[in-house]
Amino acid sequence: MLKKLYIKLIFIIAIFCSTNSFCEQMQEDNAQEATKLPSFFRDLSSSSITFNDSVFYSQYMEKKALENFDNRFVIIHLWATWCMDCQNELITLNKLQKEFRKKPLLVLAISEDFKNVSSINEYFTKHKIDFLDIYLDKKNAIYNYLGLNHLPASYLVDFNGNVIASSIPGFPVDWEDEMVKKYIEGKVNEHHLLPPEYKSPRDIFKATDINQNNQKEKMKEQKKTDIIIN
């Protein structure tokens, strides 16, 4: 009887030890996967590419630079309304930004269009892109600096402003891919930082745009009234 109990006890201990070893191995494998650069990207950590001197513009035509977005892991995404592959990628990036809105991750979607802000805002509204703000690369300065020939193109920038990886221009990234999300989450969680308070300048822009249109309508009506009176 005691012999059977002894054998069972040894068996249970063996299972417990093997399970712990398996769990530890799984945790180690997951940690390695989280730091491994997904196949969509190429390593630029040793390159000389930098966005430190790059200037782009907000939807209010305010000059912006990467230094305006400190303490965040940044995805710089260059796109255009005429680029068919950009559409799906913007939609998935919008979902990613929504999912990570309470973490220090920022997607900077910078348009390479020559269209005005209202046209890009209409594009965002049409495709329900509501967690990304509008930014413009006037005269394609960043596009030319990077020597790009194709869109979309994405660049990953760490908390210190260093460009660590990029997508292959013209080949969209699946931002909903499990490996990609694990990698982004691992990078975002490297520092225990809280994101800036989430605000949507696009909401302000749309409200301003509506007010401006209302003002124009009032001015038209006033002109009609003045003509009738005169």
C-alpha atoms as a PDB file:
ATOM      1  CA  MET A   1       0.000   0.000   0.000  1.00  0.00           C
ATOM      2  CA  LEU A   2       2.753   2.403   1.021  1.00  0.00           C
ATOM      3  CA  LYS A   3       4.716   1.380  -2.045  1.00  0.00           C
ATOM      4  CA  LYS A   4       1.790   2.333  -4.345  1.00  0.00           C
ATOM      5  CA  LEU A   5       1.380   5.699  -2.590  1.00  0.00           C
ATOM      6  CA  TYR A   6       5.113   6.317  -2.924  1.00  0.00           C
ATOM      7  CA  ILE A   7       4.999   5.577  -6.657  1.00  0.00           C
ATOM      8  CA  LYS A   8       1.979   7.882  -7.120  1.00  0.00           C
ATOM      9  CA  LEU A   9       3.741  10.651  -5.192  1.00  0.00           C
ATOM     10  CA  ILE A  10       6.850  10.363  -7.364  1.00  0.00           C
ATOM     11  CA  PHE A  11       4.628  10.405 -10.473  1.00  0.00           C
ATOM     12  CA  ILE A  12       2.834  13.598  -9.311  1.00  0.00           C
ATOM     13  CA  ILE A  13       6.145  15.307  -8.476  1.00  0.00           C
ATOM     14  CA  ALA A  14       7.528  14.350 -11.906  1.00  0.00           C
ATOM     15  CA  ILE A  15       4.466  15.809 -13.653  1.00  0.00           C
ATOM     16  CA  PHE A  16       4.653  18.978 -11.537  1.00  0.00           C
ATOM     17  CA  CYS A  17       8.345  19.494 -12.357  1.00  0.00           C
ATOM     18  CA  SER A  18       7.870  18.822 -16.049  1.00  0.00           C
ATOM     19  CA  THR A  19       4.870  21.184 -16.159  1.00  0.00           C
ATOM     20  CA  ASN A  20       6.856  23.966 -14.498  1.00  0.00           C
ATOM     21  CA  SER A  21       9.736  23.447 -16.912  1.00  0.00           C
ATOM     22  CA  PHE A  22       7.295  23.500 -19.816  1.00  0.00           C
ATOM     23  CA  CYS A  23       5.665  26.707 -18.549  1.00  0.00           C
ATOM     24  CA  GLU A  24       9.047  28.358 -18.051  1.00  0.00           C
ATOM     25  CA  GLN A  25      10.066  27.343 -21.564  1.00  0.00           C
ATOM     26  CA  MET A  26       6.795  28.709 -22.943  1.00  0.00           C
ATOM     27  CA  GLN A  27       7.327  32.019 -21.141  1.00  0.00           C
ATOM     28  CA  GLU A  28      10.882  32.206 -22.469  1.00  0.00           C
ATOM     29  CA  ASP A  29       9.707  31.440 -26.019  1.00  0.00           C
ATOM     30  CA  ASN A  30       6.963  34.077 -25.779  1.00  0.00           C
ATOM     31  CA  ALA A  31       9.474  36.656 -24.526  1.00  0.00           C
ATOM     32  CA  GLN A  32      11.783  35.892 -27.456  1.00  0.00           C
ATOM     33  CA  GLU A  33       8.874  36.119 -29.932  1.00  0.00           C
ATOM     34  CA  ALA A  34       7.834  39.483 -28.494  1.00  0.00           C
ATOM     35  CA  THR A  35      11.284  40.961 -29.161  1.00  0.00           C
ATOM     36  CA  LYS A  36      11.762  39.345 -32.571  1.00  0.00           C
ATOM     37  CA  LEU A  37      11.216  41.739 -35.470  1.00  0.00           C
ATOM     38  CA  PRO A  38       8.224  40.502 -37.538  1.00  0.00           C
ATOM     39  CA  SER A  39       8.836  39.588 -41.183  1.00  0.00           C
ATOM     40  CA  PHE A  40       6.960  42.703 -42.377  1.00  0.00           C
ATOM     41  CA  PHE A  41       9.854  44.887 -41.187  1.00  0.00           C
ATOM     42  CA  ARG A  42      13.537  45.369 -41.809  1.00  0.00           C
ATOM     43  CA  ASP A  43      15.974  46.305 -39.044  1.00  0.00           C
ATOM     44  CA  LEU A  44      17.186  49.922 -39.205  1.00  0.00           C
ATOM     45  CA  SER A  45      18.642  50.158 -35.695  1.00  0.00           C
ATOM     46  CA  SER A  46      22.161  50.602 -37.071  1.00  0.00           C
ATOM     47  CA  SER A  47      21.153  52.932 -39.931  1.00  0.00           C
ATOM     48  CA  SER A  48      21.602  56.695 -40.123  1.00  0.00           C
ATOM     49  CA  ILE A  49      17.919  57.372 -40.881  1.00  0.00           C
ATOM     50  CA  THR A  50      16.435  59.930 -38.526  1.00  0.00           C
ATOM     51  CA  PHE A  51      13.306  62.086 -38.323  1.00  0.00           C
ATOM     52  CA  ASN A  52      14.859  64.616 -35.955  1.00  0.00           C
ATOM     53  CA  ASP A  53      14.923  67.418 -38.543  1.00  0.00           C
ATOM     54  CA  SER A  54      11.776  66.377 -40.404  1.00  0.00           C
ATOM     55  CA  VAL A  55       8.936  68.892 -40.369  1.00  0.00           C
ATOM     56  CA  PHE A  56       5.325  68.063 -41.181  1.00  0.00           C
ATOM     57  CA  TYR A  57       2.047  69.890 -40.653  1.00  0.00           C
ATOM     58  CA  SER A  58      -1.093  69.365 -38.600  1.00  0.00           C
ATOM     59  CA  GLN A  59      -4.587  69.828 -40.034  1.00  0.00           C
ATOM     60  CA  TYR A  60      -4.360  73.441 -38.798  1.00  0.00           C
ATOM     61  CA  MET A  61      -1.163  73.946 -40.852  1.00  0.00           C
ATOM     62  CA  GLU A  62       0.912  74.101 -37.659  1.00  0.00           C
ATOM     63  CA  LYS A  63       4.511  72.939 -38.012  1.00  0.00           C
ATOM     64  CA  LYS A  64       5.177  69.673 -36.190  1.00  0.00           C
ATOM     65  CA  ALA A  65       8.265  67.565 -35.528  1.00  0.00           C
ATOM     66  CA  LEU A  66       8.894  64.225 -33.899  1.00  0.00           C
ATOM     67  CA  GLU A  67      10.116  65.970 -30.742  1.00  0.00           C
ATOM     68  CA  ASN A  68       6.540  67.220 -30.191  1.00  0.00           C
ATOM     69  CA  PHE A  69       5.562  63.645 -29.361  1.00  0.00           C
ATOM     70  CA  ASP A  70       7.984  62.665 -26.584  1.00  0.00           C
ATOM     71  CA  ASN A  71       7.566  59.655 -24.298  1.00  0.00           C
ATOM     72  CA  ARG A  72       5.732  57.582 -26.875  1.00  0.00           C
ATOM     73  CA  PHE A  73       6.571  54.698 -29.166  1.00  0.00           C
ATOM     74  CA  VAL A  74       5.746  56.127 -32.592  1.00  0.00           C
ATOM     75  CA  ILE A  75       4.625  54.523 -35.841  1.00  0.00           C
ATOM     76  CA  ILE A  76       5.221  56.978 -38.694  1.00  0.00           C
ATOM     77  CA  HIS A  77       2.979  55.934 -41.568  1.00  0.00           C
ATOM     78  CA  LEU A  78       3.281  57.629 -44.968  1.00  0.00           C
ATOM     79  CA  TRP A  79       0.218  57.243 -47.178  1.00  0.00           C
ATOM     80  CA  ALA A  80      -1.948  58.901 -49.854  1.00  0.00           C
ATOM     81  CA  THR A  81      -5.634  58.868 -50.813  1.00  0.00           C
ATOM     82  CA  TRP A  82      -4.780  57.576 -54.311  1.00  0.00           C
ATOM     83  CA  CYS A  83      -2.914  54.558 -52.853  1.00  0.00           C
ATOM     84  CA  MET A  84      -5.285  51.561 -52.770  1.00  0.00           C
ATOM     85  CA  ASP A  85      -3.080  49.536 -50.399  1.00  0.00           C
ATOM     86  CA  CYS A  86      -3.009  52.486 -47.998  1.00  0.00           C
ATOM     87  CA  GLN A  87      -6.744  52.307 -47.370  1.00  0.00           C
ATOM     88  CA  ASN A  88      -6.796  48.908 -45.637  1.00  0.00           C
ATOM     89  CA  GLU A  89      -3.609  49.666 -43.747  1.00  0.00           C
ATOM     90  CA  LEU A  90      -4.999  52.957 -42.419  1.00  0.00           C
ATOM     91  CA  ILE A  91      -8.112  51.142 -41.225  1.00  0.00           C
ATOM     92  CA  THR A  92      -6.040  48.552 -39.328  1.00  0.00           C
ATOM     93  CA  LEU A  93      -3.750  51.258 -37.929  1.00  0.00           C
ATOM     94  CA  ASN A  94      -6.836  53.094 -36.715  1.00  0.00           C
ATOM     95  CA  LYS A  95      -7.898  49.910 -34.879  1.00  0.00           C
ATOM     96  CA  LEU A  96      -4.392  49.551 -33.430  1.00  0.00           C
ATOM     97  CA  GLN A  97      -4.413  53.136 -32.153  1.00  0.00           C
ATOM     98  CA  LYS A  98      -7.846  52.585 -30.616  1.00  0.00           C
ATOM     99  CA  GLU A  99      -6.678  49.392 -28.913  1.00  0.00           C
ATOM    100  CA  PHE A 100      -3.518  51.063 -27.561  1.00  0.00           C
ATOM    101  CA  ARG A 101      -5.073  54.459 -26.787  1.00  0.00           C
ATOM    102  CA  LYS A 102      -4.423  53.987 -23.049  1.00  0.00           C
ATOM    103  CA  LYS A 103      -0.773  53.166 -23.668  1.00  0.00           C
ATOM    104  CA  PRO A 104       2.117  55.357 -24.887  1.00  0.00           C
ATOM    105  CA  LEU A 105       1.733  54.455 -28.557  1.00  0.00           C
ATOM    106  CA  LEU A 106       1.138  57.043 -31.274  1.00  0.00           C
ATOM    107  CA  VAL A 107       0.394  56.456 -34.945  1.00  0.00           C
ATOM    108  CA  LEU A 108       1.421  59.474 -37.030  1.00  0.00           C
ATOM    109  CA  ALA A 109      -0.392  59.061 -40.345  1.00  0.00           C
ATOM    110  CA  ILE A 110       1.271  61.604 -42.633  1.00  0.00           C
ATOM    111  CA  SER A 111      -0.422  62.238 -45.984  1.00  0.00           C
ATOM    112  CA  GLU A 112       1.623  62.603 -49.180  1.00  0.00           C
ATOM    113  CA  ASP A 113      -1.353  64.125 -51.009  1.00  0.00           C
ATOM    114  CA  PHE A 114      -1.502  67.561 -52.571  1.00  0.00           C
ATOM    115  CA  LYS A 115      -5.168  67.755 -51.547  1.00  0.00           C
ATOM    116  CA  ASN A 116      -6.487  70.162 -48.949  1.00  0.00           C
ATOM    117  CA  VAL A 117      -7.256  69.123 -45.380  1.00  0.00           C
ATOM    118  CA  SER A 118     -11.028  69.059 -45.962  1.00  0.00           C
ATOM    119  CA  SER A 119     -10.603  66.414 -48.694  1.00  0.00           C
ATOM    120  CA  ILE A 120      -8.463  64.232 -46.433  1.00  0.00           C
ATOM    121  CA  ASN A 121     -10.952  64.724 -43.602  1.00  0.00           C
ATOM    122  CA  GLU A 122     -13.721  63.514 -45.926  1.00  0.00           C
ATOM    123  CA  TYR A 123     -11.577  60.460 -46.755  1.00  0.00           C
ATOM    124  CA  PHE A 124     -11.090  59.713 -43.035  1.00  0.00           C
ATOM    125  CA  THR A 125     -14.813  60.154 -42.390  1.00  0.00           C
ATOM    126  CA  LYS A 126     -15.767  57.899 -45.321  1.00  0.00           C
ATOM    127  CA  HIS A 127     -13.553  55.067 -44.044  1.00  0.00           C
ATOM    128  CA  LYS A 128     -14.403  55.662 -40.368  1.00  0.00           C
ATOM    129  CA  ILE A 129     -10.831  56.513 -39.410  1.00  0.00           C
ATOM    130  CA  ASP A 130     -11.569  58.280 -36.144  1.00  0.00           C
ATOM    131  CA  PHE A 131      -8.562  57.577 -33.908  1.00  0.00           C
ATOM    132  CA  LEU A 132      -5.896  59.000 -36.221  1.00  0.00           C
ATOM    133  CA  ASP A 133      -5.211  62.686 -36.713  1.00  0.00           C
ATOM    134  CA  ILE A 134      -4.447  64.310 -40.043  1.00  0.00           C
ATOM    135  CA  TYR A 135      -0.852  65.272 -40.804  1.00  0.00           C
ATOM    136  CA  LEU A 136       0.596  66.492 -44.103  1.00  0.00           C
ATOM    137  CA  ASP A 137       4.027  66.221 -45.701  1.00  0.00           C
ATOM    138  CA  LYS A 138       4.080  69.511 -47.626  1.00  0.00           C
ATOM    139  CA  LYS A 139       5.968  69.293 -50.928  1.00  0.00           C
ATOM    140  CA  ASN A 140       6.704  65.629 -50.073  1.00  0.00           C
ATOM    141  CA  ALA A 141       9.774  66.700 -48.092  1.00  0.00           C
ATOM    142  CA  ILE A 142       9.914  63.553 -45.912  1.00  0.00           C
ATOM    143  CA  TYR A 143       9.060  61.293 -48.852  1.00  0.00           C
ATOM    144  CA  ASN A 144      11.964  62.728 -50.865  1.00  0.00           C
ATOM    145  CA  TYR A 145      14.348  62.685 -47.887  1.00  0.00           C
ATOM    146  CA  LEU A 146      13.725  58.946 -47.468  1.00  0.00           C
ATOM    147  CA  GLY A 147      14.158  58.377 -51.209  1.00  0.00           C
ATOM    148  CA  LEU A 148      10.828  56.563 -51.482  1.00  0.00           C
ATOM    149  CA  ASN A 149       9.247  55.424 -54.728  1.00  0.00           C
ATOM    150  CA  HIS A 150       6.269  53.541 -53.323  1.00  0.00           C
ATOM    151  CA  LEU A 151       3.560  53.828 -50.677  1.00  0.00           C
ATOM    152  CA  PRO A 152       2.535  52.843 -48.054  1.00  0.00           C
ATOM    153  CA  ALA A 153       5.661  53.033 -45.912  1.00  0.00           C
ATOM    154  CA  SER A 154       5.910  52.732 -42.126  1.00  0.00           C
ATOM    155  CA  TYR A 155       8.725  53.463 -39.678  1.00  0.00           C
ATOM    156  CA  LEU A 156       8.992  52.378 -36.033  1.00  0.00           C
ATOM    157  CA  VAL A 157      10.525  54.953 -33.693  1.00  0.00           C
ATOM    158  CA  ASP A 158      11.459  54.098 -30.092  1.00  0.00           C
ATOM    159  CA  PHE A 159      11.028  56.228 -26.960  1.00  0.00           C
ATOM    160  CA  ASN A 160      14.371  57.943 -27.608  1.00  0.00           C
ATOM    161  CA  GLY A 161      13.418  59.018 -31.123  1.00  0.00           C
ATOM    162  CA  ASN A 162      15.576  56.363 -32.804  1.00  0.00           C
ATOM    163  CA  VAL A 163      14.298  54.713 -35.993  1.00  0.00           C
ATOM    164  CA  ILE A 164      14.555  50.983 -35.286  1.00  0.00           C
ATOM    165  CA  ALA A 165      12.703  49.425 -38.231  1.00  0.00           C
ATOM    166  CA  SER A 166      10.685  50.093 -41.367  1.00  0.00           C
ATOM    167  CA  SER A 167       8.276  48.254 -43.598  1.00  0.00           C
ATOM    168  CA  ILE A 168       9.196  47.539 -47.197  1.00  0.00           C
ATOM    169  CA  PRO A 169       7.745  50.505 -49.148  1.00  0.00           C
ATOM    170  CA  GLY A 170       4.813  49.439 -51.296  1.00  0.00           C
ATOM    171  CA  PHE A 171       4.193  46.275 -49.248  1.00  0.00           C
ATOM    172  CA  PRO A 172       1.403  46.806 -46.656  1.00  0.00           C
ATOM    173  CA  VAL A 173       1.841  45.640 -43.080  1.00  0.00           C
ATOM    174  CA  ASP A 174      -0.868  43.508 -41.475  1.00  0.00           C
ATOM    175  CA  TRP A 175      -1.158  45.391 -38.189  1.00  0.00           C
ATOM    176  CA  GLU A 176      -3.643  42.779 -36.942  1.00  0.00           C
ATOM    177  CA  ASP A 177      -1.066  39.993 -37.311  1.00  0.00           C
ATOM    178  CA  GLU A 178      -0.449  38.315 -33.929  1.00  0.00           C
ATOM    179  CA  MET A 179       3.360  38.592 -34.177  1.00  0.00           C
ATOM    180  CA  VAL A 180       3.157  42.282 -35.116  1.00  0.00           C
ATOM    181  CA  LYS A 181       0.852  43.107 -32.207  1.00  0.00           C
ATOM    182  CA  LYS A 182       3.048  41.151 -29.764  1.00  0.00           C
ATOM    183  CA  TYR A 183       6.113  43.029 -30.978  1.00  0.00           C
ATOM    184  CA  ILE A 184       4.411  46.445 -30.724  1.00  0.00           C
ATOM    185  CA  GLU A 185       3.043  45.630 -27.267  1.00  0.00           C
ATOM    186  CA  GLY A 186       6.493  44.504 -26.112  1.00  0.00           C
ATOM    187  CA  LYS A 187       8.057  47.744 -27.317  1.00  0.00           C
ATOM    188  CA  VAL A 188       5.304  49.927 -25.851  1.00  0.00           C
ATOM    189  CA  ASN A 189       5.645  48.207 -22.468  1.00  0.00           C
ATOM    190  CA  GLU A 190       9.432  48.647 -22.278  1.00  0.00           C
ATOM    191  CA  HIS A 191       8.866  51.776 -20.198  1.00  0.00           C
ATOM    192  CA  HIS A 192       6.119  52.150 -17.631  1.00  0.00           C
ATOM    193  CA  LEU A 193       4.789  55.389 -19.047  1.00  0.00           C
ATOM    194  CA  LEU A 194       1.264  56.676 -19.162  1.00  0.00           C
ATOM    195  CA  PRO A 195       0.071  58.105 -22.486  1.00  0.00           C
ATOM    196  CA  PRO A 196      -0.842  61.779 -22.762  1.00  0.00           C
ATOM    197  CA  GLU A 197      -4.525  62.459 -22.269  1.00  0.00           C
ATOM    198  CA  TYR A 198      -6.297  61.259 -25.396  1.00  0.00           C
ATOM    199  CA  LYS A 199      -7.844  64.061 -27.386  1.00  0.00           C
ATOM    200  CA  SER A 200      -9.212  64.092 -30.889  1.00  0.00           C
ATOM    201  CA  PRO A 201      -8.175  67.251 -32.764  1.00  0.00           C
ATOM    202  CA  ARG A 202     -10.203  65.932 -35.684  1.00  0.00           C
ATOM    203  CA  ASP A 203     -13.384  66.497 -33.661  1.00  0.00           C
ATOM    204  CA  ILE A 204     -12.298  70.081 -33.071  1.00  0.00           C
ATOM    205  CA  PHE A 205     -11.403  70.439 -36.741  1.00  0.00           C
ATOM    206  CA  LYS A 206     -14.784  69.114 -37.869  1.00  0.00           C
ATOM    207  CA  ALA A 207     -16.581  71.463 -35.490  1.00  0.00           C
ATOM    208  CA  THR A 208     -14.484  74.383 -36.767  1.00  0.00           C
ATOM    209  CA  ASP A 209     -15.158  73.339 -40.349  1.00  0.00           C
ATOM    210  CA  ILE A 210     -18.916  73.236 -39.693  1.00  0.00           C
ATOM    211  CA  ASN A 211     -18.800  76.676 -38.034  1.00  0.00           C
ATOM    212  CA  GLN A 212     -16.875  78.087 -40.989  1.00  0.00           C
ATOM    213  CA  ASN A 213     -19.439  76.665 -43.434  1.00  0.00           C
ATOM    214  CA  ASN A 214     -22.285  78.084 -41.353  1.00  0.00           C
ATOM    215  CA  GLN A 215     -20.538  81.443 -41.332  1.00  0.00           C
ATOM    216  CA  LYS A 216     -20.182  81.348 -45.133  1.00  0.00           C
ATOM    217  CA  GLU A 217     -23.881  80.544 -45.495  1.00  0.00           C
ATOM    218  CA  LYS A 218     -24.785  83.461 -43.231  1.00  0.00           C
ATOM    219  CA  MET A 219     -22.598  85.793 -45.291  1.00  0.00           C
ATOM    220  CA  LYS A 220     -24.310  84.623 -48.501  1.00  0.00           C
ATOM    221  CA  GLU A 221     -27.714  85.231 -46.985  1.00  0.00           C
ATOM    222  CA  GLN A 222     -26.594  88.661 -45.782  1.00  0.00           C
ATOM    223  CA  LYS A 223     -25.397  89.562 -49.307  1.00  0.00           C
ATOM    224  CA  LYS A 224     -28.752  88.487 -50.748  1.00  0.00           C
ATOM    225  CA  THR A 225     -30.551  90.649 -48.183  1.00  0.00           C
ATOM    226  CA  ASP A 226     -28.280  93.633 -48.937  1.00  0.00           C
ATOM    227  CA  ILE A 227     -28.981  93.283 -52.683  1.00  0.00           C
ATOM    228  CA  ILE A 228     -32.748  93.187 -52.095  1.00  0.00           C
ATOM    229  CA  ILE A 229     -32.604  96.209 -49.800  1.00  0.00           C
ATOM    230  CA  ASN A 230     -30.487  98.204 -52.246  1.00  0.00           C
END
